[in-house]
Amino acid sequence: MRGPSRTRRVLKWIATVISIVLLVEGFLSYWVAPKLRTSMGFFARGTQRSAPRKGVSLPTYLFIFAGVAIPTILLWWRDRPFPAGHCQQCGYDLTGNVSGRCPECGTAVGDDKAADANG
């Protein structure tokens, strides 16, 4: 079976880097920056405190991160290699198969792969 195309491999790595950057940026802006602002006096001076909000507030970066991370995970999952002795099309375990075809999807299996599966 042919591996993923070069374009898909590049897109996978770009999406992975974007996911990591969004995760780090979200962590820094949501948990670290507010602590820095309140612990350093010159950031806190002159600011007015607002009334506490009612309800649930979710940071926007979580939705952006999910929108990038979920397709990235699906791309990595889709392109995972199957172990030796398994059908490279569907992942079916070919141990003991002597027919030369995958019983699950019907893909022809080479003699070397069938020999590996048998022992």
PDB file of N, CA and C in Angstrom:
ATOM      1  N   MET A   1       0.845  -1.193   0.000  1.00  0.00           N
ATOM      2  CA  MET A   1       0.000   0.000   0.000  1.00  0.00           C
ATOM      3  C   MET A   1       0.877   1.238   0.000  1.00  0.00           C
ATOM      4  N   ARG A   2       0.474   2.198  -0.752  1.00  0.00           N
ATOM      5  CA  ARG A   2       1.205   3.453  -0.823  1.00  0.00           C
ATOM      6  C   ARG A   2       0.982   4.286   0.423  1.00  0.00           C
ATOM      7  N   GLY A   3       2.017   4.991   0.846  1.00  0.00           N
ATOM      8  CA  GLY A   3       1.896   5.856   2.017  1.00  0.00           C
ATOM      9  C   GLY A   3       1.153   7.131   1.688  1.00  0.00           C
ATOM     10  N   PRO A   4       0.960   7.987   2.684  1.00  0.00           N
ATOM     11  CA  PRO A   4       0.262   9.252   2.440  1.00  0.00           C
ATOM     12  C   PRO A   4       1.070  10.157   1.515  1.00  0.00           C
ATOM     13  N   SER A   5       0.377  11.004   0.793  1.00  0.00           N
ATOM     14  CA  SER A   5       1.050  11.904  -0.137  1.00  0.00           C
ATOM     15  C   SER A   5       1.884  12.936   0.616  1.00  0.00           C
ATOM     16  N   ARG A   6       2.812  13.528  -0.088  1.00  0.00           N
ATOM     17  CA  ARG A   6       3.687  14.537   0.523  1.00  0.00           C
ATOM     18  C   ARG A   6       2.871  15.712   1.048  1.00  0.00           C
ATOM     19  N   THR A   7       1.858  16.115   0.299  1.00  0.00           N
ATOM     20  CA  THR A   7       1.025  17.244   0.730  1.00  0.00           C
ATOM     21  C   THR A   7       0.331  16.933   2.044  1.00  0.00           C
ATOM     22  N   ARG A   8      -0.205  15.723   2.164  1.00  0.00           N
ATOM     23  CA  ARG A   8      -0.894  15.361   3.402  1.00  0.00           C
ATOM     24  C   ARG A   8       0.076  15.270   4.568  1.00  0.00           C
ATOM     25  N   ARG A   9       1.294  14.760   4.329  1.00  0.00           N
ATOM     26  CA  ARG A   9       2.296  14.707   5.400  1.00  0.00           C
ATOM     27  C   ARG A   9       2.664  16.106   5.861  1.00  0.00           C
ATOM     28  N   VAL A  10       2.851  17.033   4.928  1.00  0.00           N
ATOM     29  CA  VAL A  10       3.200  18.413   5.276  1.00  0.00           C
ATOM     30  C   VAL A  10       2.050  19.068   6.046  1.00  0.00           C
ATOM     31  N   LEU A  11       0.824  18.876   5.574  1.00  0.00           N
ATOM     32  CA  LEU A  11      -0.335  19.445   6.272  1.00  0.00           C
ATOM     33  C   LEU A  11      -0.470  18.885   7.684  1.00  0.00           C
ATOM     34  N   LYS A  12      -0.171  17.597   7.849  1.00  0.00           N
ATOM     35  CA  LYS A  12      -0.237  16.987   9.174  1.00  0.00           C
ATOM     36  C   LYS A  12       0.736  17.661  10.131  1.00  0.00           C
ATOM     37  N   TRP A  13       1.955  17.880   9.683  1.00  0.00           N
ATOM     38  CA  TRP A  13       2.956  18.488  10.561  1.00  0.00           C
ATOM     39  C   TRP A  13       2.648  19.957  10.831  1.00  0.00           C
ATOM     40  N   ILE A  14       2.164  20.683   9.825  1.00  0.00           N
ATOM     41  CA  ILE A  14       1.791  22.087  10.039  1.00  0.00           C
ATOM     42  C   ILE A  14       0.650  22.179  11.042  1.00  0.00           C
ATOM     43  N   ALA A  15      -0.363  21.332  10.889  1.00  0.00           N
ATOM     44  CA  ALA A  15      -1.486  21.342  11.825  1.00  0.00           C
ATOM     45  C   ALA A  15      -1.045  20.947  13.231  1.00  0.00           C
ATOM     46  N   THR A  16      -0.097  20.027  13.336  1.00  0.00           N
ATOM     47  CA  THR A  16       0.415  19.633  14.649  1.00  0.00           C
ATOM     48  C   THR A  16       1.119  20.797  15.322  1.00  0.00           C
ATOM     49  N   VAL A  17       1.953  21.513  14.581  1.00  0.00           N
ATOM     50  CA  VAL A  17       2.654  22.668  15.145  1.00  0.00           C
ATOM     51  C   VAL A  17       1.669  23.759  15.554  1.00  0.00           C
ATOM     52  N   ILE A  18       0.664  24.013  14.718  1.00  0.00           N
ATOM     53  CA  ILE A  18      -0.348  25.023  15.054  1.00  0.00           C
ATOM     54  C   ILE A  18      -1.097  24.621  16.319  1.00  0.00           C
ATOM     55  N   SER A  19      -1.428  23.334  16.458  1.00  0.00           N
ATOM     56  CA  SER A  19      -2.119  22.865  17.663  1.00  0.00           C
ATOM     57  C   SER A  19      -1.277  23.091  18.906  1.00  0.00           C
ATOM     58  N   ILE A  20       0.004  22.795  18.819  1.00  0.00           N
ATOM     59  CA  ILE A  20       0.895  22.985  19.971  1.00  0.00           C
ATOM     60  C   ILE A  20       1.024  24.458  20.314  1.00  0.00           C
ATOM     61  N   VAL A  21       1.176  25.308  19.298  1.00  0.00           N
ATOM     62  CA  VAL A  21       1.288  26.753  19.542  1.00  0.00           C
ATOM     63  C   VAL A  21       0.011  27.292  20.187  1.00  0.00           C
ATOM     64  N   LEU A  22      -1.147  26.871  19.693  1.00  0.00           N
ATOM     65  CA  LEU A  22      -2.410  27.329  20.286  1.00  0.00           C
ATOM     66  C   LEU A  22      -2.561  26.852  21.723  1.00  0.00           C
ATOM     67  N   LEU A  23      -2.139  25.642  21.997  1.00  0.00           N
ATOM     68  CA  LEU A  23      -2.237  25.115  23.353  1.00  0.00           C
ATOM     69  C   LEU A  23      -1.332  25.896  24.309  1.00  0.00           C
ATOM     70  N   VAL A  24      -0.111  26.160  23.896  1.00  0.00           N
ATOM     71  CA  VAL A  24       0.823  26.924  24.739  1.00  0.00           C
ATOM     72  C   VAL A  24       0.337  28.358  24.903  1.00  0.00           C
ATOM     73  N   GLU A  25      -0.113  28.982  23.823  1.00  0.00           N
ATOM     74  CA  GLU A  25      -0.594  30.366  23.895  1.00  0.00           C
ATOM     75  C   GLU A  25      -1.813  30.465  24.802  1.00  0.00           C
ATOM     76  N   GLY A  26      -2.708  29.509  24.681  1.00  0.00           N
ATOM     77  CA  GLY A  26      -3.894  29.515  25.535  1.00  0.00           C
ATOM     78  C   GLY A  26      -3.541  29.336  27.000  1.00  0.00           C
ATOM     79  N   PHE A  27      -2.605  28.440  27.271  1.00  0.00           N
ATOM     80  CA  PHE A  27      -2.166  28.235  28.648  1.00  0.00           C
ATOM     81  C   PHE A  27      -1.558  29.513  29.210  1.00  0.00           C
ATOM     82  N   LEU A  28      -0.683  30.141  28.430  1.00  0.00           N
ATOM     83  CA  LEU A  28      -0.029  31.359  28.912  1.00  0.00           C
ATOM     84  C   LEU A  28      -1.013  32.502  29.113  1.00  0.00           C
ATOM     85  N   SER A  29      -1.948  32.668  28.174  1.00  0.00           N
ATOM     86  CA  SER A  29      -2.857  33.807  28.282  1.00  0.00           C
ATOM     87  C   SER A  29      -3.954  33.589  29.311  1.00  0.00           C
ATOM     88  N   TYR A  30      -4.324  32.349  29.560  1.00  0.00           N
ATOM     89  CA  TYR A  30      -5.447  32.101  30.460  1.00  0.00           C
ATOM     90  C   TYR A  30      -5.006  31.902  31.909  1.00  0.00           C
ATOM     91  N   TRP A  31      -3.857  31.235  32.112  1.00  0.00           N
ATOM     92  CA  TRP A  31      -3.449  30.935  33.478  1.00  0.00           C
ATOM     93  C   TRP A  31      -2.256  31.745  33.969  1.00  0.00           C
ATOM     94  N   VAL A  32      -1.306  32.045  33.108  1.00  0.00           N
ATOM     95  CA  VAL A  32      -0.079  32.723  33.550  1.00  0.00           C
ATOM     96  C   VAL A  32      -0.231  34.236  33.525  1.00  0.00           C
ATOM     97  N   ALA A  33      -0.758  34.806  32.448  1.00  0.00           N
ATOM     98  CA  ALA A  33      -0.844  36.264  32.322  1.00  0.00           C
ATOM     99  C   ALA A  33      -1.672  36.918  33.423  1.00  0.00           C
ATOM    100  N   PRO A  34      -2.831  36.404  33.811  1.00  0.00           N
ATOM    101  CA  PRO A  34      -3.578  37.057  34.893  1.00  0.00           C
ATOM    102  C   PRO A  34      -2.820  37.070  36.219  1.00  0.00           C
ATOM    103  N   LYS A  35      -2.053  36.039  36.493  1.00  0.00           N
ATOM    104  CA  LYS A  35      -1.266  36.001  37.718  1.00  0.00           C
ATOM    105  C   LYS A  35      -0.150  37.037  37.674  1.00  0.00           C
ATOM    106  N   LEU A  36       0.439  37.232  36.496  1.00  0.00           N
ATOM    107  CA  LEU A  36       1.476  38.256  36.362  1.00  0.00           C
ATOM    108  C   LEU A  36       0.886  39.644  36.541  1.00  0.00           C
ATOM    109  N   ARG A  37      -0.297  39.880  35.982  1.00  0.00           N
ATOM    110  CA  ARG A  37      -0.922  41.197  36.083  1.00  0.00           C
ATOM    111  C   ARG A  37      -1.261  41.555  37.528  1.00  0.00           C
ATOM    112  N   THR A  38      -1.722  40.600  38.301  1.00  0.00           N
ATOM    113  CA  THR A  38      -2.114  40.914  39.674  1.00  0.00           C
ATOM    114  C   THR A  38      -0.920  40.922  40.620  1.00  0.00           C
ATOM    115  N   SER A  39       0.131  40.184  40.307  1.00  0.00           N
ATOM    116  CA  SER A  39       1.274  40.155  41.217  1.00  0.00           C
ATOM    117  C   SER A  39       2.201  41.357  41.026  1.00  0.00           C
ATOM    118  N   MET A  40       2.215  41.950  39.844  1.00  0.00           N
ATOM    119  CA  MET A  40       3.063  43.116  39.592  1.00  0.00           C
ATOM    120  C   MET A  40       2.208  44.371  39.749  1.00  0.00           C
ATOM    121  N   GLY A  41       2.600  45.236  40.648  1.00  0.00           N
ATOM    122  CA  GLY A  41       1.798  46.405  40.984  1.00  0.00           C
ATOM    123  C   GLY A  41       1.521  47.329  39.821  1.00  0.00           C
ATOM    124  N   PHE A  42       2.497  47.540  38.929  1.00  0.00           N
ATOM    125  CA  PHE A  42       2.299  48.528  37.870  1.00  0.00           C
ATOM    126  C   PHE A  42       1.284  48.063  36.833  1.00  0.00           C
ATOM    127  N   PHE A  43       1.028  46.772  36.716  1.00  0.00           N
ATOM    128  CA  PHE A  43      -0.022  46.313  35.822  1.00  0.00           C
ATOM    129  C   PHE A  43      -1.398  46.547  36.436  1.00  0.00           C
ATOM    130  N   ALA A  44      -1.486  46.424  37.751  1.00  0.00           N
ATOM    131  CA  ALA A  44      -2.776  46.500  38.421  1.00  0.00           C
ATOM    132  C   ALA A  44      -3.212  47.939  38.697  1.00  0.00           C
ATOM    133  N   ARG A  45      -2.278  48.901  38.723  1.00  0.00           N
ATOM    134  CA  ARG A  45      -2.629  50.289  39.027  1.00  0.00           C
ATOM    135  C   ARG A  45      -3.517  50.888  37.957  1.00  0.00           C
ATOM    136  N   GLY A  46      -4.507  51.614  38.385  1.00  0.00           N
ATOM    137  CA  GLY A  46      -5.351  52.346  37.453  1.00  0.00           C
ATOM    138  C   GLY A  46      -6.434  51.512  36.812  1.00  0.00           C
ATOM    139  N   THR A  47      -6.492  50.248  37.116  1.00  0.00           N
ATOM    140  CA  THR A  47      -7.549  49.430  36.525  1.00  0.00           C
ATOM    141  C   THR A  47      -8.715  49.355  37.485  1.00  0.00           C
ATOM    142  N   GLN A  48      -9.877  49.369  36.937  1.00  0.00           N
ATOM    143  CA  GLN A  48     -11.068  49.264  37.768  1.00  0.00           C
ATOM    144  C   GLN A  48     -11.535  47.820  37.779  1.00  0.00           C
ATOM    145  N   ARG A  49     -11.967  47.416  38.926  1.00  0.00           N
ATOM    146  CA  ARG A  49     -12.473  46.044  39.026  1.00  0.00           C
ATOM    147  C   ARG A  49     -13.934  46.039  38.579  1.00  0.00           C
ATOM    148  N   SER A  50     -14.246  45.066  37.785  1.00  0.00           N
ATOM    149  CA  SER A  50     -15.629  44.951  37.322  1.00  0.00           C
ATOM    150  C   SER A  50     -16.371  43.957  38.211  1.00  0.00           C
ATOM    151  N   ALA A  51     -17.664  44.008  38.124  1.00  0.00           N
ATOM    152  CA  ALA A  51     -18.478  43.080  38.910  1.00  0.00           C
ATOM    153  C   ALA A  51     -18.258  41.667  38.395  1.00  0.00           C
ATOM    154  N   PRO A  52     -18.306  40.694  39.283  1.00  0.00           N
ATOM    155  CA  PRO A  52     -18.118  39.316  38.821  1.00  0.00           C
ATOM    156  C   PRO A  52     -19.213  38.913  37.835  1.00  0.00           C
ATOM    157  N   ARG A  53     -18.820  38.162  36.828  1.00  0.00           N
ATOM    158  CA  ARG A  53     -19.764  37.723  35.804  1.00  0.00           C
ATOM    159  C   ARG A  53     -20.555  36.528  36.294  1.00  0.00           C
ATOM    160  N   LYS A  54     -21.778  36.470  35.839  1.00  0.00           N
ATOM    161  CA  LYS A  54     -22.589  35.303  36.125  1.00  0.00           C
ATOM    162  C   LYS A  54     -22.616  34.426  34.894  1.00  0.00           C
ATOM    163  N   GLY A  55     -22.589  33.142  35.103  1.00  0.00           N
ATOM    164  CA  GLY A  55     -22.624  32.216  33.980  1.00  0.00           C
ATOM    165  C   GLY A  55     -21.258  31.602  33.745  1.00  0.00           C
ATOM    166  N   VAL A  56     -21.152  30.921  32.638  1.00  0.00           N
ATOM    167  CA  VAL A  56     -19.932  30.211  32.294  1.00  0.00           C
ATOM    168  C   VAL A  56     -19.224  30.969  31.183  1.00  0.00           C
ATOM    169  N   SER A  57     -17.933  31.151  31.347  1.00  0.00           N
ATOM    170  CA  SER A  57     -17.166  31.772  30.265  1.00  0.00           C
ATOM    171  C   SER A  57     -16.092  30.790  29.829  1.00  0.00           C
ATOM    172  N   LEU A  58     -16.027  30.543  28.548  1.00  0.00           N
ATOM    173  CA  LEU A  58     -15.013  29.655  27.995  1.00  0.00           C
ATOM    174  C   LEU A  58     -14.085  30.471  27.119  1.00  0.00           C
ATOM    175  N   PRO A  59     -12.789  30.234  27.232  1.00  0.00           N
ATOM    176  CA  PRO A  59     -11.856  30.956  26.378  1.00  0.00           C
ATOM    177  C   PRO A  59     -12.032  30.557  24.907  1.00  0.00           C
ATOM    178  N   THR A  60     -11.916  31.520  24.041  1.00  0.00           N
ATOM    179  CA  THR A  60     -12.096  31.285  22.608  1.00  0.00           C
ATOM    180  C   THR A  60     -11.048  30.334  22.052  1.00  0.00           C
ATOM    181  N   TYR A  61      -9.845  30.379  22.624  1.00  0.00           N
ATOM    182  CA  TYR A  61      -8.784  29.547  22.078  1.00  0.00           C
ATOM    183  C   TYR A  61      -9.122  28.060  22.189  1.00  0.00           C
ATOM    184  N   LEU A  62      -9.969  27.664  23.134  1.00  0.00           N
ATOM    185  CA  LEU A  62     -10.349  26.253  23.242  1.00  0.00           C
ATOM    186  C   LEU A  62     -11.104  25.790  21.993  1.00  0.00           C
ATOM    187  N   PHE A  63     -11.970  26.632  21.466  1.00  0.00           N
ATOM    188  CA  PHE A  63     -12.712  26.275  20.262  1.00  0.00           C
ATOM    189  C   PHE A  63     -11.786  26.244  19.041  1.00  0.00           C
ATOM    190  N   ILE A  64     -10.871  27.190  18.967  1.00  0.00           N
ATOM    191  CA  ILE A  64      -9.915  27.210  17.859  1.00  0.00           C
ATOM    192  C   ILE A  64      -9.010  25.991  17.941  1.00  0.00           C
ATOM    193  N   PHE A  65      -8.522  25.690  19.158  1.00  0.00           N
ATOM    194  CA  PHE A  65      -7.659  24.523  19.354  1.00  0.00           C
ATOM    195  C   PHE A  65      -8.382  23.242  18.959  1.00  0.00           C
ATOM    196  N   ALA A  66      -9.640  23.098  19.382  1.00  0.00           N
ATOM    197  CA  ALA A  66     -10.406  21.900  19.038  1.00  0.00           C
ATOM    198  C   ALA A  66     -10.623  21.811  17.526  1.00  0.00           C
ATOM    199  N   GLY A  67     -10.848  22.955  16.890  1.00  0.00           N
ATOM    200  CA  GLY A  67     -11.045  22.970  15.444  1.00  0.00           C
ATOM    201  C   GLY A  67      -9.815  22.587  14.657  1.00  0.00           C
ATOM    202  N   VAL A  68      -8.638  22.770  15.236  1.00  0.00           N
ATOM    203  CA  VAL A  68      -7.394  22.381  14.572  1.00  0.00           C
ATOM    204  C   VAL A  68      -6.958  20.993  15.036  1.00  0.00           C
ATOM    205  N   ALA A  69      -7.090  20.713  16.318  1.00  0.00           N
ATOM    206  CA  ALA A  69      -6.559  19.474  16.876  1.00  0.00           C
ATOM    207  C   ALA A  69      -7.347  18.244  16.431  1.00  0.00           C
ATOM    208  N   ILE A  70      -8.650  18.326  16.371  1.00  0.00           N
ATOM    209  CA  ILE A  70      -9.451  17.143  16.025  1.00  0.00           C
ATOM    210  C   ILE A  70      -9.154  16.654  14.601  1.00  0.00           C
ATOM    211  N   PRO A  71      -9.142  17.524  13.579  1.00  0.00           N
ATOM    212  CA  PRO A  71      -8.761  17.024  12.242  1.00  0.00           C
ATOM    213  C   PRO A  71      -7.317  16.518  12.187  1.00  0.00           C
ATOM    214  N   THR A  72      -6.424  17.135  12.977  1.00  0.00           N
ATOM    215  CA  THR A  72      -5.035  16.684  12.997  1.00  0.00           C
ATOM    216  C   THR A  72      -4.951  15.269  13.554  1.00  0.00           C
ATOM    217  N   ILE A  73      -5.656  15.019  14.647  1.00  0.00           N
ATOM    218  CA  ILE A  73      -5.661  13.678  15.243  1.00  0.00           C
ATOM    219  C   ILE A  73      -6.239  12.668  14.252  1.00  0.00           C
ATOM    220  N   LEU A  74      -7.287  13.052  13.554  1.00  0.00           N
ATOM    221  CA  LEU A  74      -7.881  12.142  12.572  1.00  0.00           C
ATOM    222  C   LEU A  74      -6.918  11.846  11.419  1.00  0.00           C
ATOM    223  N   LEU A  75      -6.157  12.850  10.978  1.00  0.00           N
ATOM    224  CA  LEU A  75      -5.159  12.610   9.926  1.00  0.00           C
ATOM    225  C   LEU A  75      -4.077  11.649  10.399  1.00  0.00           C
ATOM    226  N   TRP A  76      -3.573  11.848  11.610  1.00  0.00           N
ATOM    227  CA  TRP A  76      -2.542  10.954  12.141  1.00  0.00           C
ATOM    228  C   TRP A  76      -3.108   9.549  12.307  1.00  0.00           C
ATOM    229  N   TRP A  77      -4.355   9.424  12.762  1.00  0.00           N
ATOM    230  CA  TRP A  77      -4.964   8.113  12.956  1.00  0.00           C
ATOM    231  C   TRP A  77      -5.169   7.402  11.617  1.00  0.00           C
ATOM    232  N   ARG A  78      -5.587   8.150  10.624  1.00  0.00           N
ATOM    233  CA  ARG A  78      -5.863   7.563   9.310  1.00  0.00           C
ATOM    234  C   ARG A  78      -4.593   7.027   8.648  1.00  0.00           C
ATOM    235  N   ASP A  79      -3.475   7.698   8.850  1.00  0.00           N
ATOM    236  CA  ASP A  79      -2.228   7.324   8.177  1.00  0.00           C
ATOM    237  C   ASP A  79      -1.336   6.411   9.005  1.00  0.00           C
ATOM    238  N   ARG A  80      -1.855   5.861  10.110  1.00  0.00           N
ATOM    239  CA  ARG A  80      -1.015   5.002  10.937  1.00  0.00           C
ATOM    240  C   ARG A  80      -0.695   3.713  10.187  1.00  0.00           C
ATOM    241  N   PRO A  81       0.516   3.203  10.336  1.00  0.00           N
ATOM    242  CA  PRO A  81       0.849   1.948   9.668  1.00  0.00           C
ATOM    243  C   PRO A  81       0.312   0.754  10.466  1.00  0.00           C
ATOM    244  N   PHE A  82      -0.105  -0.280   9.761  1.00  0.00           N
ATOM    245  CA  PHE A  82      -0.540  -1.501  10.421  1.00  0.00           C
ATOM    246  C   PHE A  82       0.680  -2.388  10.655  1.00  0.00           C
ATOM    247  N   PRO A  83       0.702  -3.169  11.712  1.00  0.00           N
ATOM    248  CA  PRO A  83       1.867  -4.017  11.989  1.00  0.00           C
ATOM    249  C   PRO A  83       2.030  -5.117  10.943  1.00  0.00           C
ATOM    250  N   ALA A  84       3.208  -5.713  10.903  1.00  0.00           N
ATOM    251  CA  ALA A  84       3.466  -6.813   9.979  1.00  0.00           C
ATOM    252  C   ALA A  84       2.518  -7.958  10.303  1.00  0.00           C
ATOM    253  N   GLY A  85       2.080  -8.661   9.267  1.00  0.00           N
ATOM    254  CA  GLY A  85       1.154  -9.758   9.462  1.00  0.00           C
ATOM    255  C   GLY A  85      -0.295  -9.327   9.461  1.00  0.00           C
ATOM    256  N   HIS A  86      -0.546  -8.067   9.174  1.00  0.00           N
ATOM    257  CA  HIS A  86      -1.906  -7.538   9.095  1.00  0.00           C
ATOM    258  C   HIS A  86      -2.130  -7.001   7.689  1.00  0.00           C
ATOM    259  N   CYS A  87      -3.378  -6.988   7.268  1.00  0.00           N
ATOM    260  CA  CYS A  87      -3.728  -6.411   5.971  1.00  0.00           C
ATOM    261  C   CYS A  87      -3.412  -4.916   6.014  1.00  0.00           C
ATOM    262  N   GLN A  88      -2.714  -4.434   5.015  1.00  0.00           N
ATOM    263  CA  GLN A  88      -2.331  -3.023   5.000  1.00  0.00           C
ATOM    264  C   GLN A  88      -3.467  -2.118   4.554  1.00  0.00           C
ATOM    265  N   GLN A  89      -4.557  -2.707   4.093  1.00  0.00           N
ATOM    266  CA  GLN A  89      -5.718  -1.912   3.688  1.00  0.00           C
ATOM    267  C   GLN A  89      -6.684  -1.699   4.849  1.00  0.00           C
ATOM    268  N   CYS A  90      -6.994  -2.787   5.584  1.00  0.00           N
ATOM    269  CA  CYS A  90      -8.018  -2.678   6.634  1.00  0.00           C
ATOM    270  C   CYS A  90      -7.503  -3.014   8.031  1.00  0.00           C
ATOM    271  N   GLY A  91      -6.302  -3.598   8.152  1.00  0.00           N
ATOM    272  CA  GLY A  91      -5.737  -3.905   9.456  1.00  0.00           C
ATOM    273  C   GLY A  91      -6.116  -5.268  10.007  1.00  0.00           C
ATOM    274  N   TYR A  92      -6.781  -6.112   9.220  1.00  0.00           N
ATOM    275  CA  TYR A  92      -7.206  -7.432   9.679  1.00  0.00           C
ATOM    276  C   TYR A  92      -5.982  -8.312   9.933  1.00  0.00           C
ATOM    277  N   ASP A  93      -5.995  -9.071  11.025  1.00  0.00           N
ATOM    278  CA  ASP A  93      -4.888  -9.961  11.371  1.00  0.00           C
ATOM    279  C   ASP A  93      -4.907 -11.166  10.431  1.00  0.00           C
ATOM    280  N   LEU A  94      -3.814 -11.355   9.697  1.00  0.00           N
ATOM    281  CA  LEU A  94      -3.754 -12.414   8.686  1.00  0.00           C
ATOM    282  C   LEU A  94      -3.047 -13.668   9.191  1.00  0.00           C
ATOM    283  N   THR A  95      -2.921 -13.842  10.490  1.00  0.00           N
ATOM    284  CA  THR A  95      -2.279 -15.028  11.043  1.00  0.00           C
ATOM    285  C   THR A  95      -3.050 -16.274  10.613  1.00  0.00           C
ATOM    286  N   GLY A  96      -2.347 -17.222  10.008  1.00  0.00           N
ATOM    287  CA  GLY A  96      -2.966 -18.469   9.578  1.00  0.00           C
ATOM    288  C   GLY A  96      -3.637 -18.395   8.218  1.00  0.00           C
ATOM    289  N   ASN A  97      -3.610 -17.255   7.559  1.00  0.00           N
ATOM    290  CA  ASN A  97      -4.249 -17.105   6.259  1.00  0.00           C
ATOM    291  C   ASN A  97      -3.341 -17.681   5.176  1.00  0.00           C
ATOM    292  N   VAL A  98      -3.838 -18.618   4.396  1.00  0.00           N
ATOM    293  CA  VAL A  98      -3.058 -19.217   3.311  1.00  0.00           C
ATOM    294  C   VAL A  98      -3.650 -18.905   1.938  1.00  0.00           C
ATOM    295  N   SER A  99      -4.790 -18.216   1.912  1.00  0.00           N
ATOM    296  CA  SER A  99      -5.472 -17.962   0.640  1.00  0.00           C
ATOM    297  C   SER A  99      -4.792 -16.887  -0.194  1.00  0.00           C
ATOM    298  N   GLY A 100      -4.049 -15.980   0.450  1.00  0.00           N
ATOM    299  CA  GLY A 100      -3.408 -14.895  -0.288  1.00  0.00           C
ATOM    300  C   GLY A 100      -4.312 -13.675  -0.457  1.00  0.00           C
ATOM    301  N   ARG A 101      -5.500 -13.729   0.118  1.00  0.00           N
ATOM    302  CA  ARG A 101      -6.429 -12.586   0.096  1.00  0.00           C
ATOM    303  C   ARG A 101      -6.903 -12.318   1.507  1.00  0.00           C
ATOM    304  N   CYS A 102      -7.167 -11.061   1.793  1.00  0.00           N
ATOM    305  CA  CYS A 102      -7.702 -10.674   3.097  1.00  0.00           C
ATOM    306  C   CYS A 102      -9.179 -11.079   3.136  1.00  0.00           C
ATOM    307  N   PRO A 103      -9.602 -11.858   4.137  1.00  0.00           N
ATOM    308  CA  PRO A 103     -11.011 -12.255   4.193  1.00  0.00           C
ATOM    309  C   PRO A 103     -11.938 -11.099   4.559  1.00  0.00           C
ATOM    310  N   GLU A 104     -11.397 -10.034   5.114  1.00  0.00           N
ATOM    311  CA  GLU A 104     -12.216  -8.900   5.548  1.00  0.00           C
ATOM    312  C   GLU A 104     -12.551  -7.970   4.378  1.00  0.00           C
ATOM    313  N   CYS A 105     -11.518  -7.594   3.597  1.00  0.00           N
ATOM    314  CA  CYS A 105     -11.751  -6.613   2.533  1.00  0.00           C
ATOM    315  C   CYS A 105     -11.457  -7.144   1.133  1.00  0.00           C
ATOM    316  N   GLY A 106     -10.830  -8.329   1.010  1.00  0.00           N
ATOM    317  CA  GLY A 106     -10.571  -8.925  -0.294  1.00  0.00           C
ATOM    318  C   GLY A 106      -9.301  -8.447  -0.965  1.00  0.00           C
ATOM    319  N   THR A 107      -8.474  -7.662  -0.285  1.00  0.00           N
ATOM    320  CA  THR A 107      -7.228  -7.172  -0.864  1.00  0.00           C
ATOM    321  C   THR A 107      -6.244  -8.323  -1.020  1.00  0.00           C
ATOM    322  N   ALA A 108      -5.566  -8.374  -2.175  1.00  0.00           N
ATOM    323  CA  ALA A 108      -4.560  -9.405  -2.394  1.00  0.00           C
ATOM    324  C   ALA A 108      -3.373  -9.149  -1.481  1.00  0.00           C
ATOM    325  N   VAL A 109      -2.896 -10.224  -0.850  1.00  0.00           N
ATOM    326  CA  VAL A 109      -1.763 -10.135   0.064  1.00  0.00           C
ATOM    327  C   VAL A 109      -0.607 -10.854  -0.588  1.00  0.00           C
ATOM    328  N   GLY A 110       0.569 -10.204  -0.620  1.00  0.00           N
ATOM    329  CA  GLY A 110       1.747 -10.816  -1.237  1.00  0.00           C
ATOM    330  C   GLY A 110       2.196 -12.054  -0.483  1.00  0.00           C
ATOM    331  N   ASP A 111       2.992 -12.916  -1.163  1.00  0.00           N
ATOM    332  CA  ASP A 111       3.467 -14.153  -0.547  1.00  0.00           C
ATOM    333  C   ASP A 111       4.366 -13.888   0.646  1.00  0.00           C
ATOM    334  N   ASP A 112       5.194 -12.836   0.571  1.00  0.00           N
ATOM    335  CA  ASP A 112       6.080 -12.519   1.694  1.00  0.00           C
ATOM    336  C   ASP A 112       5.297 -12.113   2.935  1.00  0.00           C
ATOM    337  N   LYS A 113       4.190 -11.415   2.762  1.00  0.00           N
ATOM    338  CA  LYS A 113       3.374 -11.012   3.901  1.00  0.00           C
ATOM    339  C   LYS A 113       2.611 -12.194   4.484  1.00  0.00           C
ATOM    340  N   ALA A 114       2.156 -13.104   3.604  1.00  0.00           N
ATOM    341  CA  ALA A 114       1.464 -14.292   4.085  1.00  0.00           C
ATOM    342  C   ALA A 114       2.432 -15.204   4.833  1.00  0.00           C
ATOM    343  N   ALA A 115       3.687 -15.275   4.347  1.00  0.00           N
ATOM    344  CA  ALA A 115       4.694 -16.084   5.029  1.00  0.00           C
ATOM    345  C   ALA A 115       5.016 -15.495   6.402  1.00  0.00           C
ATOM    346  N   ASP A 116       5.087 -14.146   6.481  1.00  0.00           N
ATOM    347  CA  ASP A 116       5.330 -13.493   7.775  1.00  0.00           C
ATOM    348  C   ASP A 116       4.188 -13.787   8.747  1.00  0.00           C
ATOM    349  N   ALA A 117       2.976 -13.804   8.245  1.00  0.00           N
ATOM    350  CA  ALA A 117       1.821 -14.034   9.104  1.00  0.00           C
ATOM    351  C   ALA A 117       1.778 -15.458   9.617  1.00  0.00           C
ATOM    352  N   ASN A 118       2.290 -16.408   8.817  1.00  0.00           N
ATOM    353  CA  ASN A 118       2.234 -17.815   9.223  1.00  0.00           C
ATOM    354  C   ASN A 118       3.377 -18.196  10.143  1.00  0.00           C
ATOM    355  N   GLY A 119       4.340 -17.402  10.269  1.00  0.00           N
ATOM    356  CA  GLY A 119       5.382 -17.774  11.208  1.00  0.00           C
ATOM    357  C   GLY A 119       6.691 -17.297  10.743  1.00  0.00           C
TER     358      GLY A 119
END
